[in-house]
Amino acid sequence: MPRCRTRWGRLGFGFVECGTVTPRPQAWQPRPRLFRLTEDHAVINRMGFNNHGMAAAARNLSVRRGKGLVGINIGVNKDSSDRISDYARAFETLAALARLCGRECLLAQHAGPAGLAA
């Protein structure tokens, strides 16, 4: 997000979605992060939500010079102990800086349906 946030509109995109942003910074997942299971006709995606956290996203978005629409996708950290609170904190911190806000919820890395039940 920091390097290209103001340039997407110049390429003709109608809006840009930043995300997924988590309350705390989160590092890359170990490799391989994306691979095929040829026999099963499947693809495994373990990209995770690598990002610098909501404080960094808020700083970057608050100095945004572009005029295009910006959306933010919020998520929870992999090791979160209170996912509902994390969603609420991220929304409260970031929603005013964007035109739309989405919630990432279908995560295999989190326990329970939609990553909310424990």
PDB file of N, CA and C in Angstrom:
ATOM      1  N   MET A   1       0.799  -1.199   0.000  1.00  0.00           N
ATOM      2  CA  MET A   1       0.000   0.000   0.000  1.00  0.00           C
ATOM      3  C   MET A   1       0.843   1.265   0.000  1.00  0.00           C
ATOM      4  N   PRO A   2       1.899   1.392   0.788  1.00  0.00           N
ATOM      5  CA  PRO A   2       2.616   2.659   0.839  1.00  0.00           C
ATOM      6  C   PRO A   2       3.211   3.093  -0.492  1.00  0.00           C
ATOM      7  N   ARG A   3       3.673   2.170  -1.315  1.00  0.00           N
ATOM      8  CA  ARG A   3       4.401   2.553  -2.526  1.00  0.00           C
ATOM      9  C   ARG A   3       3.502   2.906  -3.699  1.00  0.00           C
ATOM     10  N   CYS A   4       2.297   2.377  -3.737  1.00  0.00           N
ATOM     11  CA  CYS A   4       1.502   2.562  -4.955  1.00  0.00           C
ATOM     12  C   CYS A   4       0.119   3.135  -4.705  1.00  0.00           C
ATOM     13  N   ARG A   5      -0.195   3.531  -3.512  1.00  0.00           N
ATOM     14  CA  ARG A   5      -1.565   3.909  -3.174  1.00  0.00           C
ATOM     15  C   ARG A   5      -2.127   5.057  -4.003  1.00  0.00           C
ATOM     16  N   THR A   6      -1.305   5.977  -4.483  1.00  0.00           N
ATOM     17  CA  THR A   6      -1.834   7.110  -5.245  1.00  0.00           C
ATOM     18  C   THR A   6      -1.720   6.898  -6.744  1.00  0.00           C
ATOM     19  N   ARG A   7      -1.141   5.825  -7.192  1.00  0.00           N
ATOM     20  CA  ARG A   7      -0.895   5.639  -8.625  1.00  0.00           C
ATOM     21  C   ARG A   7      -1.954   4.811  -9.342  1.00  0.00           C
ATOM     22  N   TRP A   8      -2.723   4.014  -8.634  1.00  0.00           N
ATOM     23  CA  TRP A   8      -3.683   3.138  -9.295  1.00  0.00           C
ATOM     24  C   TRP A   8      -4.736   3.921 -10.066  1.00  0.00           C
ATOM     25  N   GLY A   9      -5.206   5.029  -9.521  1.00  0.00           N
ATOM     26  CA  GLY A   9      -6.205   5.841 -10.213  1.00  0.00           C
ATOM     27  C   GLY A   9      -5.704   6.357 -11.540  1.00  0.00           C
ATOM     28  N   ARG A  10      -4.424   6.663 -11.609  1.00  0.00           N
ATOM     29  CA  ARG A  10      -3.841   7.157 -12.867  1.00  0.00           C
ATOM     30  C   ARG A  10      -3.835   6.086 -13.953  1.00  0.00           C
ATOM     31  N   LEU A  11      -3.929   4.830 -13.547  1.00  0.00           N
ATOM     32  CA  LEU A  11      -3.956   3.730 -14.513  1.00  0.00           C
ATOM     33  C   LEU A  11      -5.373   3.423 -14.988  1.00  0.00           C
ATOM     34  N   GLY A  12      -6.359   4.154 -14.476  1.00  0.00           N
ATOM     35  CA  GLY A  12      -7.721   3.976 -14.935  1.00  0.00           C
ATOM     36  C   GLY A  12      -8.609   3.148 -14.023  1.00  0.00           C
ATOM     37  N   PHE A  13      -8.110   2.701 -12.895  1.00  0.00           N
ATOM     38  CA  PHE A  13      -8.939   1.932 -11.976  1.00  0.00           C
ATOM     39  C   PHE A  13      -9.962   2.854 -11.309  1.00  0.00           C
ATOM     40  N   GLY A  14     -11.179   2.369 -11.126  1.00  0.00           N
ATOM     41  CA  GLY A  14     -12.229   3.163 -10.512  1.00  0.00           C
ATOM     42  C   GLY A  14     -12.072   3.294  -9.011  1.00  0.00           C
ATOM     43  N   PHE A  15     -11.498   2.279  -8.379  1.00  0.00           N
ATOM     44  CA  PHE A  15     -11.236   2.335  -6.954  1.00  0.00           C
ATOM     45  C   PHE A  15     -10.108   1.374  -6.619  1.00  0.00           C
ATOM     46  N   VAL A  16      -9.545   1.536  -5.449  1.00  0.00           N
ATOM     47  CA  VAL A  16      -8.462   0.675  -4.974  1.00  0.00           C
ATOM     48  C   VAL A  16      -8.858   0.155  -3.607  1.00  0.00           C
ATOM     49  N   GLU A  17      -8.646  -1.135  -3.385  1.00  0.00           N
ATOM     50  CA  GLU A  17      -8.898  -1.711  -2.064  1.00  0.00           C
ATOM     51  C   GLU A  17      -7.566  -2.051  -1.416  1.00  0.00           C
ATOM     52  N   CYS A  18      -7.341  -1.519  -0.249  1.00  0.00           N
ATOM     53  CA  CYS A  18      -6.131  -1.805   0.518  1.00  0.00           C
ATOM     54  C   CYS A  18      -6.447  -2.936   1.486  1.00  0.00           C
ATOM     55  N   GLY A  19      -5.608  -3.923   1.491  1.00  0.00           N
ATOM     56  CA  GLY A  19      -5.911  -4.967   2.469  1.00  0.00           C
ATOM     57  C   GLY A  19      -5.227  -6.255   2.141  1.00  0.00           C
ATOM     58  N   THR A  20      -5.343  -7.125   3.019  1.00  0.00           N
ATOM     59  CA  THR A  20      -6.083  -7.067   4.266  1.00  0.00           C
ATOM     60  C   THR A  20      -5.188  -6.465   5.350  1.00  0.00           C
ATOM     61  N   VAL A  21      -5.741  -5.522   6.126  1.00  0.00           N
ATOM     62  CA  VAL A  21      -5.002  -4.844   7.181  1.00  0.00           C
ATOM     63  C   VAL A  21      -5.422  -5.445   8.511  1.00  0.00           C
ATOM     64  N   THR A  22      -4.452  -5.797   9.332  1.00  0.00           N
ATOM     65  CA  THR A  22      -4.705  -6.365  10.646  1.00  0.00           C
ATOM     66  C   THR A  22      -4.323  -5.359  11.734  1.00  0.00           C
ATOM     67  N   PRO A  23      -4.833  -5.522  12.942  1.00  0.00           N
ATOM     68  CA  PRO A  23      -4.505  -4.566  14.004  1.00  0.00           C
ATOM     69  C   PRO A  23      -2.999  -4.426  14.243  1.00  0.00           C
ATOM     70  N   ARG A  24      -2.294  -5.533  14.303  1.00  0.00           N
ATOM     71  CA  ARG A  24      -0.844  -5.499  14.513  1.00  0.00           C
ATOM     72  C   ARG A  24      -0.140  -5.946  13.233  1.00  0.00           C
ATOM     73  N   PRO A  25       1.105  -5.529  13.037  1.00  0.00           N
ATOM     74  CA  PRO A  25       1.851  -6.008  11.863  1.00  0.00           C
ATOM     75  C   PRO A  25       1.890  -7.535  11.839  1.00  0.00           C
ATOM     76  N   GLN A  26       1.938  -8.075  10.643  1.00  0.00           N
ATOM     77  CA  GLN A  26       1.972  -9.529  10.495  1.00  0.00           C
ATOM     78  C   GLN A  26       2.920  -9.899   9.360  1.00  0.00           C
ATOM     79  N   ALA A  27       3.818 -10.820   9.640  1.00  0.00           N
ATOM     80  CA  ALA A  27       4.852 -11.227   8.678  1.00  0.00           C
ATOM     81  C   ALA A  27       4.309 -12.227   7.662  1.00  0.00           C
ATOM     82  N   TRP A  28       5.102 -12.447   6.624  1.00  0.00           N
ATOM     83  CA  TRP A  28       4.787 -13.442   5.599  1.00  0.00           C
ATOM     84  C   TRP A  28       4.674 -14.823   6.211  1.00  0.00           C
ATOM     85  N   GLN A  29       3.854 -15.656   5.599  1.00  0.00           N
ATOM     86  CA  GLN A  29       3.775 -17.071   5.944  1.00  0.00           C
ATOM     87  C   GLN A  29       5.033 -17.761   5.396  1.00  0.00           C
ATOM     88  N   PRO A  30       5.410 -18.896   5.979  1.00  0.00           N
ATOM     89  CA  PRO A  30       6.553 -19.635   5.427  1.00  0.00           C
ATOM     90  C   PRO A  30       6.248 -20.168   4.024  1.00  0.00           C
ATOM     91  N   ARG A  31       7.283 -20.366   3.221  1.00  0.00           N
ATOM     92  CA  ARG A  31       7.129 -20.915   1.878  1.00  0.00           C
ATOM     93  C   ARG A  31       7.012 -22.435   1.935  1.00  0.00           C
ATOM     94  N   PRO A  32       6.305 -23.038   1.005  1.00  0.00           N
ATOM     95  CA  PRO A  32       5.592 -22.445  -0.119  1.00  0.00           C
ATOM     96  C   PRO A  32       4.266 -21.855   0.349  1.00  0.00           C
ATOM     97  N   ARG A  33       3.896 -20.717  -0.212  1.00  0.00           N
ATOM     98  CA  ARG A  33       2.645 -20.057   0.147  1.00  0.00           C
ATOM     99  C   ARG A  33       1.528 -20.355  -0.849  1.00  0.00           C
ATOM    100  N   LEU A  34       1.891 -20.690  -2.071  1.00  0.00           N
ATOM    101  CA  LEU A  34       0.910 -20.998  -3.098  1.00  0.00           C
ATOM    102  C   LEU A  34       1.432 -22.170  -3.912  1.00  0.00           C
ATOM    103  N   PHE A  35       0.646 -23.225  -3.979  1.00  0.00           N
ATOM    104  CA  PHE A  35       1.084 -24.384  -4.754  1.00  0.00           C
ATOM    105  C   PHE A  35      -0.117 -25.211  -5.186  1.00  0.00           C
ATOM    106  N   ARG A  36       0.117 -26.055  -6.196  1.00  0.00           N
ATOM    107  CA  ARG A  36      -0.934 -26.911  -6.755  1.00  0.00           C
ATOM    108  C   ARG A  36      -0.858 -28.323  -6.194  1.00  0.00           C
ATOM    109  N   LEU A  37      -2.042 -28.911  -6.062  1.00  0.00           N
ATOM    110  CA  LEU A  37      -2.162 -30.339  -5.810  1.00  0.00           C
ATOM    111  C   LEU A  37      -2.762 -30.911  -7.086  1.00  0.00           C
ATOM    112  N   THR A  38      -1.898 -31.256  -8.027  1.00  0.00           N
ATOM    113  CA  THR A  38      -2.331 -31.644  -9.365  1.00  0.00           C
ATOM    114  C   THR A  38      -3.328 -32.797  -9.339  1.00  0.00           C
ATOM    115  N   GLU A  39      -3.042 -33.828  -8.551  1.00  0.00           N
ATOM    116  CA  GLU A  39      -3.937 -34.988  -8.479  1.00  0.00           C
ATOM    117  C   GLU A  39      -5.333 -34.609  -8.015  1.00  0.00           C
ATOM    118  N   ASP A  40      -5.421 -33.658  -7.117  1.00  0.00           N
ATOM    119  CA  ASP A  40      -6.712 -33.252  -6.556  1.00  0.00           C
ATOM    120  C   ASP A  40      -7.348 -32.087  -7.303  1.00  0.00           C
ATOM    121  N   HIS A  41      -6.679 -31.594  -8.352  1.00  0.00           N
ATOM    122  CA  HIS A  41      -7.169 -30.426  -9.091  1.00  0.00           C
ATOM    123  C   HIS A  41      -7.436 -29.264  -8.132  1.00  0.00           C
ATOM    124  N   ALA A  42      -6.464 -28.987  -7.298  1.00  0.00           N
ATOM    125  CA  ALA A  42      -6.641 -27.965  -6.262  1.00  0.00           C
ATOM    126  C   ALA A  42      -5.436 -27.031  -6.201  1.00  0.00           C
ATOM    127  N   VAL A  43      -5.680 -25.862  -5.636  1.00  0.00           N
ATOM    128  CA  VAL A  43      -4.623 -24.895  -5.367  1.00  0.00           C
ATOM    129  C   VAL A  43      -4.693 -24.564  -3.882  1.00  0.00           C
ATOM    130  N   ILE A  44      -3.556 -24.565  -3.236  1.00  0.00           N
ATOM    131  CA  ILE A  44      -3.472 -24.200  -1.819  1.00  0.00           C
ATOM    132  C   ILE A  44      -2.893 -22.791  -1.732  1.00  0.00           C
ATOM    133  N   ASN A  45      -3.612 -21.916  -1.028  1.00  0.00           N
ATOM    134  CA  ASN A  45      -3.187 -20.533  -0.836  1.00  0.00           C
ATOM    135  C   ASN A  45      -2.937 -20.325   0.648  1.00  0.00           C
ATOM    136  N   ARG A  46      -1.684 -20.095   0.995  1.00  0.00           N
ATOM    137  CA  ARG A  46      -1.314 -19.801   2.382  1.00  0.00           C
ATOM    138  C   ARG A  46      -0.591 -18.463   2.448  1.00  0.00           C
ATOM    139  N   MET A  47      -1.113 -17.507   1.705  1.00  0.00           N
ATOM    140  CA  MET A  47      -0.471 -16.199   1.649  1.00  0.00           C
ATOM    141  C   MET A  47      -0.496 -15.496   3.000  1.00  0.00           C
ATOM    142  N   GLY A  48      -1.596 -15.608   3.726  1.00  0.00           N
ATOM    143  CA  GLY A  48      -1.718 -14.899   4.989  1.00  0.00           C
ATOM    144  C   GLY A  48      -1.956 -13.420   4.737  1.00  0.00           C
ATOM    145  N   PHE A  49      -1.970 -12.652   5.794  1.00  0.00           N
ATOM    146  CA  PHE A  49      -2.209 -11.220   5.695  1.00  0.00           C
ATOM    147  C   PHE A  49      -0.942 -10.469   6.047  1.00  0.00           C
ATOM    148  N   ASN A  50       0.070 -10.598   5.232  1.00  0.00           N
ATOM    149  CA  ASN A  50       1.297  -9.853   5.499  1.00  0.00           C
ATOM    150  C   ASN A  50       1.017  -8.364   5.321  1.00  0.00           C
ATOM    151  N   ASN A  51       1.269  -7.589   6.370  1.00  0.00           N
ATOM    152  CA  ASN A  51       1.023  -6.146   6.315  1.00  0.00           C
ATOM    153  C   ASN A  51       1.737  -5.478   7.479  1.00  0.00           C
ATOM    154  N   HIS A  52       1.767  -4.162   7.455  1.00  0.00           N
ATOM    155  CA  HIS A  52       2.468  -3.393   8.491  1.00  0.00           C
ATOM    156  C   HIS A  52       1.560  -3.001   9.652  1.00  0.00           C
ATOM    157  N   GLY A  53       0.312  -3.428   9.648  1.00  0.00           N
ATOM    158  CA  GLY A  53      -0.615  -3.145  10.735  1.00  0.00           C
ATOM    159  C   GLY A  53      -1.448  -1.903  10.499  1.00  0.00           C
ATOM    160  N   MET A  54      -2.497  -1.758  11.332  1.00  0.00           N
ATOM    161  CA  MET A  54      -3.457  -0.678  11.106  1.00  0.00           C
ATOM    162  C   MET A  54      -2.887   0.711  11.384  1.00  0.00           C
ATOM    163  N   ALA A  55      -1.942   0.849  12.296  1.00  0.00           N
ATOM    164  CA  ALA A  55      -1.368   2.176  12.562  1.00  0.00           C
ATOM    165  C   ALA A  55      -0.615   2.686  11.331  1.00  0.00           C
ATOM    166  N   ALA A  56       0.157   1.801  10.695  1.00  0.00           N
ATOM    167  CA  ALA A  56       0.889   2.191   9.484  1.00  0.00           C
ATOM    168  C   ALA A  56      -0.082   2.490   8.340  1.00  0.00           C
ATOM    169  N   ALA A  57      -1.127   1.671   8.208  1.00  0.00           N
ATOM    170  CA  ALA A  57      -2.118   1.914   7.152  1.00  0.00           C
ATOM    171  C   ALA A  57      -2.815   3.261   7.370  1.00  0.00           C
ATOM    172  N   ALA A  58      -3.153   3.566   8.617  1.00  0.00           N
ATOM    173  CA  ALA A  58      -3.805   4.844   8.915  1.00  0.00           C
ATOM    174  C   ALA A  58      -2.880   6.016   8.582  1.00  0.00           C
ATOM    175  N   ARG A  59      -1.602   5.899   8.919  1.00  0.00           N
ATOM    176  CA  ARG A  59      -0.645   6.979   8.579  1.00  0.00           C
ATOM    177  C   ARG A  59      -0.580   7.178   7.070  1.00  0.00           C
ATOM    178  N   ASN A  60      -0.454   6.089   6.335  1.00  0.00           N
ATOM    179  CA  ASN A  60      -0.349   6.177   4.873  1.00  0.00           C
ATOM    180  C   ASN A  60      -1.611   6.757   4.247  1.00  0.00           C
ATOM    181  N   LEU A  61      -2.760   6.310   4.700  1.00  0.00           N
ATOM    182  CA  LEU A  61      -4.013   6.792   4.116  1.00  0.00           C
ATOM    183  C   LEU A  61      -4.307   8.233   4.494  1.00  0.00           C
ATOM    184  N   SER A  62      -3.849   8.670   5.650  1.00  0.00           N
ATOM    185  CA  SER A  62      -4.130  10.043   6.071  1.00  0.00           C
ATOM    186  C   SER A  62      -3.353  11.080   5.257  1.00  0.00           C
ATOM    187  N   VAL A  63      -2.286  10.675   4.605  1.00  0.00           N
ATOM    188  CA  VAL A  63      -1.522  11.617   3.775  1.00  0.00           C
ATOM    189  C   VAL A  63      -1.738  11.369   2.281  1.00  0.00           C
ATOM    190  N   ARG A  64      -2.723  10.549   1.964  1.00  0.00           N
ATOM    191  CA  ARG A  64      -3.016  10.208   0.571  1.00  0.00           C
ATOM    192  C   ARG A  64      -3.369  11.454  -0.222  1.00  0.00           C
ATOM    193  N   ARG A  65      -2.762  11.577  -1.387  1.00  0.00           N
ATOM    194  CA  ARG A  65      -3.010  12.734  -2.257  1.00  0.00           C
ATOM    195  C   ARG A  65      -3.995  12.429  -3.373  1.00  0.00           C
ATOM    196  N   GLY A  66      -4.188  11.166  -3.680  1.00  0.00           N
ATOM    197  CA  GLY A  66      -5.067  10.800  -4.785  1.00  0.00           C
ATOM    198  C   GLY A  66      -6.517  11.132  -4.509  1.00  0.00           C
ATOM    199  N   LYS A  67      -7.284  11.255  -5.569  1.00  0.00           N
ATOM    200  CA  LYS A  67      -8.691  11.595  -5.430  1.00  0.00           C
ATOM    201  C   LYS A  67      -9.609  10.406  -5.664  1.00  0.00           C
ATOM    202  N   GLY A  68      -9.067   9.263  -6.030  1.00  0.00           N
ATOM    203  CA  GLY A  68      -9.889   8.093  -6.314  1.00  0.00           C
ATOM    204  C   GLY A  68     -10.482   7.490  -5.052  1.00  0.00           C
ATOM    205  N   LEU A  69     -11.444   6.615  -5.258  1.00  0.00           N
ATOM    206  CA  LEU A  69     -12.083   5.918  -4.143  1.00  0.00           C
ATOM    207  C   LEU A  69     -11.130   4.876  -3.574  1.00  0.00           C
ATOM    208  N   VAL A  70     -11.085   4.801  -2.253  1.00  0.00           N
ATOM    209  CA  VAL A  70     -10.232   3.825  -1.574  1.00  0.00           C
ATOM    210  C   VAL A  70     -11.085   3.011  -0.621  1.00  0.00           C
ATOM    211  N   GLY A  71     -10.913   1.700  -0.684  1.00  0.00           N
ATOM    212  CA  GLY A  71     -11.554   0.796   0.259  1.00  0.00           C
ATOM    213  C   GLY A  71     -10.502   0.111   1.098  1.00  0.00           C
ATOM    214  N   ILE A  72     -10.899  -0.337   2.268  1.00  0.00           N
ATOM    215  CA  ILE A  72      -9.984  -1.043   3.162  1.00  0.00           C
ATOM    216  C   ILE A  72     -10.622  -2.371   3.538  1.00  0.00           C
ATOM    217  N   ASN A  73      -9.836  -3.423   3.462  1.00  0.00           N
ATOM    218  CA  ASN A  73     -10.270  -4.747   3.888  1.00  0.00           C
ATOM    219  C   ASN A  73      -9.596  -5.016   5.229  1.00  0.00           C
ATOM    220  N   ILE A  74     -10.368  -5.248   6.273  1.00  0.00           N
ATOM    221  CA  ILE A  74      -9.801  -5.481   7.595  1.00  0.00           C
ATOM    222  C   ILE A  74      -9.856  -6.963   7.948  1.00  0.00           C
ATOM    223  N   GLY A  75      -8.890  -7.393   8.721  1.00  0.00           N
ATOM    224  CA  GLY A  75      -8.827  -8.776   9.174  1.00  0.00           C
ATOM    225  C   GLY A  75      -8.254  -8.825  10.577  1.00  0.00           C
ATOM    226  N   VAL A  76      -8.081 -10.038  11.074  1.00  0.00           N
ATOM    227  CA  VAL A  76      -7.515 -10.214  12.406  1.00  0.00           C
ATOM    228  C   VAL A  76      -6.152 -10.885  12.291  1.00  0.00           C
ATOM    229  N   ASN A  77      -5.326 -10.669  13.289  1.00  0.00           N
ATOM    230  CA  ASN A  77      -4.028 -11.325  13.313  1.00  0.00           C
ATOM    231  C   ASN A  77      -4.197 -12.817  13.560  1.00  0.00           C
ATOM    232  N   LYS A  78      -3.296 -13.585  13.012  1.00  0.00           N
ATOM    233  CA  LYS A  78      -3.353 -15.037  13.121  1.00  0.00           C
ATOM    234  C   LYS A  78      -3.384 -15.501  14.571  1.00  0.00           C
ATOM    235  N   ASP A  79      -2.673 -14.794  15.435  1.00  0.00           N
ATOM    236  CA  ASP A  79      -2.583 -15.199  16.842  1.00  0.00           C
ATOM    237  C   ASP A  79      -3.537 -14.420  17.747  1.00  0.00           C
ATOM    238  N   SER A  80      -4.563 -13.840  17.187  1.00  0.00           N
ATOM    239  CA  SER A  80      -5.501 -13.031  17.952  1.00  0.00           C
ATOM    240  C   SER A  80      -6.226 -13.865  19.007  1.00  0.00           C
ATOM    241  N   SER A  81      -6.389 -13.286  20.186  1.00  0.00           N
ATOM    242  CA  SER A  81      -7.152 -13.961  21.245  1.00  0.00           C
ATOM    243  C   SER A  81      -8.578 -13.412  21.328  1.00  0.00           C
ATOM    244  N   ASP A  82      -8.855 -12.280  20.688  1.00  0.00           N
ATOM    245  CA  ASP A  82     -10.183 -11.682  20.699  1.00  0.00           C
ATOM    246  C   ASP A  82     -10.474 -11.110  19.312  1.00  0.00           C
ATOM    247  N   ARG A  83     -10.948 -11.963  18.425  1.00  0.00           N
ATOM    248  CA  ARG A  83     -11.127 -11.586  17.021  1.00  0.00           C
ATOM    249  C   ARG A  83     -12.195 -10.520  16.824  1.00  0.00           C
ATOM    250  N   ILE A  84     -13.273 -10.604  17.570  1.00  0.00           N
ATOM    251  CA  ILE A  84     -14.340  -9.611  17.431  1.00  0.00           C
ATOM    252  C   ILE A  84     -13.815  -8.219  17.797  1.00  0.00           C
ATOM    253  N   SER A  85     -13.080  -8.140  18.892  1.00  0.00           N
ATOM    254  CA  SER A  85     -12.496  -6.869  19.314  1.00  0.00           C
ATOM    255  C   SER A  85     -11.498  -6.352  18.279  1.00  0.00           C
ATOM    256  N   ASP A  86     -10.730  -7.252  17.676  1.00  0.00           N
ATOM    257  CA  ASP A  86      -9.771  -6.849  16.644  1.00  0.00           C
ATOM    258  C   ASP A  86     -10.487  -6.243  15.435  1.00  0.00           C
ATOM    259  N   TYR A  87     -11.578  -6.873  14.994  1.00  0.00           N
ATOM    260  CA  TYR A  87     -12.346  -6.305  13.886  1.00  0.00           C
ATOM    261  C   TYR A  87     -12.858  -4.918  14.256  1.00  0.00           C
ATOM    262  N   ALA A  88     -13.396  -4.783  15.470  1.00  0.00           N
ATOM    263  CA  ALA A  88     -13.953  -3.498  15.909  1.00  0.00           C
ATOM    264  C   ALA A  88     -12.867  -2.426  15.969  1.00  0.00           C
ATOM    265  N   ARG A  89     -11.711  -2.744  16.535  1.00  0.00           N
ATOM    266  CA  ARG A  89     -10.610  -1.772  16.626  1.00  0.00           C
ATOM    267  C   ARG A  89     -10.134  -1.347  15.246  1.00  0.00           C
ATOM    268  N   ALA A  90      -9.972  -2.317  14.355  1.00  0.00           N
ATOM    269  CA  ALA A  90      -9.512  -1.993  12.999  1.00  0.00           C
ATOM    270  C   ALA A  90     -10.538  -1.123  12.288  1.00  0.00           C
ATOM    271  N   PHE A  91     -11.817  -1.443  12.440  1.00  0.00           N
ATOM    272  CA  PHE A  91     -12.860  -0.634  11.801  1.00  0.00           C
ATOM    273  C   PHE A  91     -12.852   0.785  12.360  1.00  0.00           C
ATOM    274  N   GLU A  92     -12.799   0.920  13.679  1.00  0.00           N
ATOM    275  CA  GLU A  92     -12.804   2.237  14.311  1.00  0.00           C
ATOM    276  C   GLU A  92     -11.603   3.075  13.880  1.00  0.00           C
ATOM    277  N   THR A  93     -10.465   2.435  13.694  1.00  0.00           N
ATOM    278  CA  THR A  93      -9.241   3.142  13.320  1.00  0.00           C
ATOM    279  C   THR A  93      -9.223   3.535  11.846  1.00  0.00           C
ATOM    280  N   LEU A  94      -9.744   2.677  10.971  1.00  0.00           N
ATOM    281  CA  LEU A  94      -9.539   2.860   9.533  1.00  0.00           C
ATOM    282  C   LEU A  94     -10.753   3.306   8.730  1.00  0.00           C
ATOM    283  N   ALA A  95     -11.956   3.090   9.225  1.00  0.00           N
ATOM    284  CA  ALA A  95     -13.155   3.335   8.415  1.00  0.00           C
ATOM    285  C   ALA A  95     -13.271   4.777   7.935  1.00  0.00           C
ATOM    286  N   ALA A  96     -12.899   5.740   8.743  1.00  0.00           N
ATOM    287  CA  ALA A  96     -13.028   7.147   8.349  1.00  0.00           C
ATOM    288  C   ALA A  96     -12.048   7.544   7.248  1.00  0.00           C
ATOM    289  N   LEU A  97     -11.049   6.699   6.994  1.00  0.00           N
ATOM    290  CA  LEU A  97     -10.029   7.008   5.991  1.00  0.00           C
ATOM    291  C   LEU A  97     -10.350   6.402   4.625  1.00  0.00           C
ATOM    292  N   ALA A  98     -11.494   5.731   4.514  1.00  0.00           N
ATOM    293  CA  ALA A  98     -11.837   5.048   3.267  1.00  0.00           C
ATOM    294  C   ALA A  98     -13.303   5.265   2.936  1.00  0.00           C
ATOM    295  N   ARG A  99     -13.644   4.978   1.694  1.00  0.00           N
ATOM    296  CA  ARG A  99     -15.016   5.107   1.232  1.00  0.00           C
ATOM    297  C   ARG A  99     -15.817   3.841   1.502  1.00  0.00           C
ATOM    298  N   LEU A 100     -15.137   2.707   1.585  1.00  0.00           N
ATOM    299  CA  LEU A 100     -15.786   1.445   1.902  1.00  0.00           C
ATOM    300  C   LEU A 100     -14.858   0.612   2.763  1.00  0.00           C
ATOM    301  N   CYS A 101     -15.456  -0.272   3.535  1.00  0.00           N
ATOM    302  CA  CYS A 101     -14.668  -1.115   4.424  1.00  0.00           C
ATOM    303  C   CYS A 101     -15.226  -2.531   4.350  1.00  0.00           C
ATOM    304  N   GLY A 102     -14.359  -3.493   4.048  1.00  0.00           N
ATOM    305  CA  GLY A 102     -14.755  -4.892   3.979  1.00  0.00           C
ATOM    306  C   GLY A 102     -14.114  -5.671   5.104  1.00  0.00           C
ATOM    307  N   ARG A 103     -14.673  -6.836   5.397  1.00  0.00           N
ATOM    308  CA  ARG A 103     -14.147  -7.675   6.470  1.00  0.00           C
ATOM    309  C   ARG A 103     -13.762  -9.024   5.906  1.00  0.00           C
ATOM    310  N   GLU A 104     -12.532  -9.420   6.115  1.00  0.00           N
ATOM    311  CA  GLU A 104     -12.052 -10.734   5.689  1.00  0.00           C
ATOM    312  C   GLU A 104     -12.437 -11.731   6.766  1.00  0.00           C
ATOM    313  N   CYS A 105     -13.180 -12.770   6.390  1.00  0.00           N
ATOM    314  CA  CYS A 105     -13.638 -13.690   7.436  1.00  0.00           C
ATOM    315  C   CYS A 105     -13.466 -15.163   7.109  1.00  0.00           C
ATOM    316  N   LEU A 106     -13.258 -15.559   5.889  1.00  0.00           N
ATOM    317  CA  LEU A 106     -13.160 -16.981   5.554  1.00  0.00           C
ATOM    318  C   LEU A 106     -11.705 -17.420   5.533  1.00  0.00           C
ATOM    319  N   LEU A 107     -11.201 -17.755   6.691  1.00  0.00           N
ATOM    320  CA  LEU A 107      -9.792 -18.076   6.830  1.00  0.00           C
ATOM    321  C   LEU A 107      -9.569 -19.480   7.337  1.00  0.00           C
ATOM    322  N   ALA A 108      -8.835 -20.251   6.603  1.00  0.00           N
ATOM    323  CA  ALA A 108      -8.497 -21.591   7.065  1.00  0.00           C
ATOM    324  C   ALA A 108      -7.537 -21.539   8.247  1.00  0.00           C
ATOM    325  N   GLN A 109      -6.794 -20.427   8.378  1.00  0.00           N
ATOM    326  CA  GLN A 109      -5.804 -20.365   9.442  1.00  0.00           C
ATOM    327  C   GLN A 109      -6.421 -20.087  10.806  1.00  0.00           C
ATOM    328  N   HIS A 110      -7.705 -19.707  10.857  1.00  0.00           N
ATOM    329  CA  HIS A 110      -8.380 -19.447  12.118  1.00  0.00           C
ATOM    330  C   HIS A 110      -9.374 -20.564  12.408  1.00  0.00           C
ATOM    331  N   ALA A 111      -9.527 -20.889  13.660  1.00  0.00           N
ATOM    332  CA  ALA A 111     -10.423 -21.975  14.044  1.00  0.00           C
ATOM    333  C   ALA A 111     -11.883 -21.568  13.927  1.00  0.00           C
ATOM    334  N   GLY A 112     -12.733 -22.519  13.626  1.00  0.00           N
ATOM    335  CA  GLY A 112     -14.174 -22.306  13.654  1.00  0.00           C
ATOM    336  C   GLY A 112     -14.711 -21.684  12.387  1.00  0.00           C
ATOM    337  N   PRO A 113     -16.051 -21.681  12.242  1.00  0.00           N
ATOM    338  CA  PRO A 113     -16.677 -21.096  11.068  1.00  0.00           C
ATOM    339  C   PRO A 113     -16.334 -19.619  10.950  1.00  0.00           C
ATOM    340  N   ALA A 114     -15.930 -19.233   9.777  1.00  0.00           N
ATOM    341  CA  ALA A 114     -15.578 -17.837   9.472  1.00  0.00           C
ATOM    342  C   ALA A 114     -14.499 -17.298  10.402  1.00  0.00           C
ATOM    343  N   GLY A 115     -13.763 -18.169  11.074  1.00  0.00           N
ATOM    344  CA  GLY A 115     -12.674 -17.722  11.922  1.00  0.00           C
ATOM    345  C   GLY A 115     -13.120 -17.041  13.194  1.00  0.00           C
ATOM    346  N   LEU A 116     -14.402 -17.134  13.572  1.00  0.00           N
ATOM    347  CA  LEU A 116     -14.878 -16.417  14.746  1.00  0.00           C
ATOM    348  C   LEU A 116     -15.185 -17.330  15.925  1.00  0.00           C
ATOM    349  N   ALA A 117     -15.549 -18.561  15.697  1.00  0.00           N
ATOM    350  CA  ALA A 117     -15.859 -19.468  16.806  1.00  0.00           C
ATOM    351  C   ALA A 117     -14.587 -20.157  17.273  1.00  0.00           C
ATOM    352  N   ALA A 118     -14.480 -20.374  18.526  1.00  0.00           N
ATOM    353  CA  ALA A 118     -13.284 -21.041  19.055  1.00  0.00           C
ATOM    354  C   ALA A 118     -13.644 -22.361  19.700  1.00  0.00           C
TER     355      ALA A 118
END
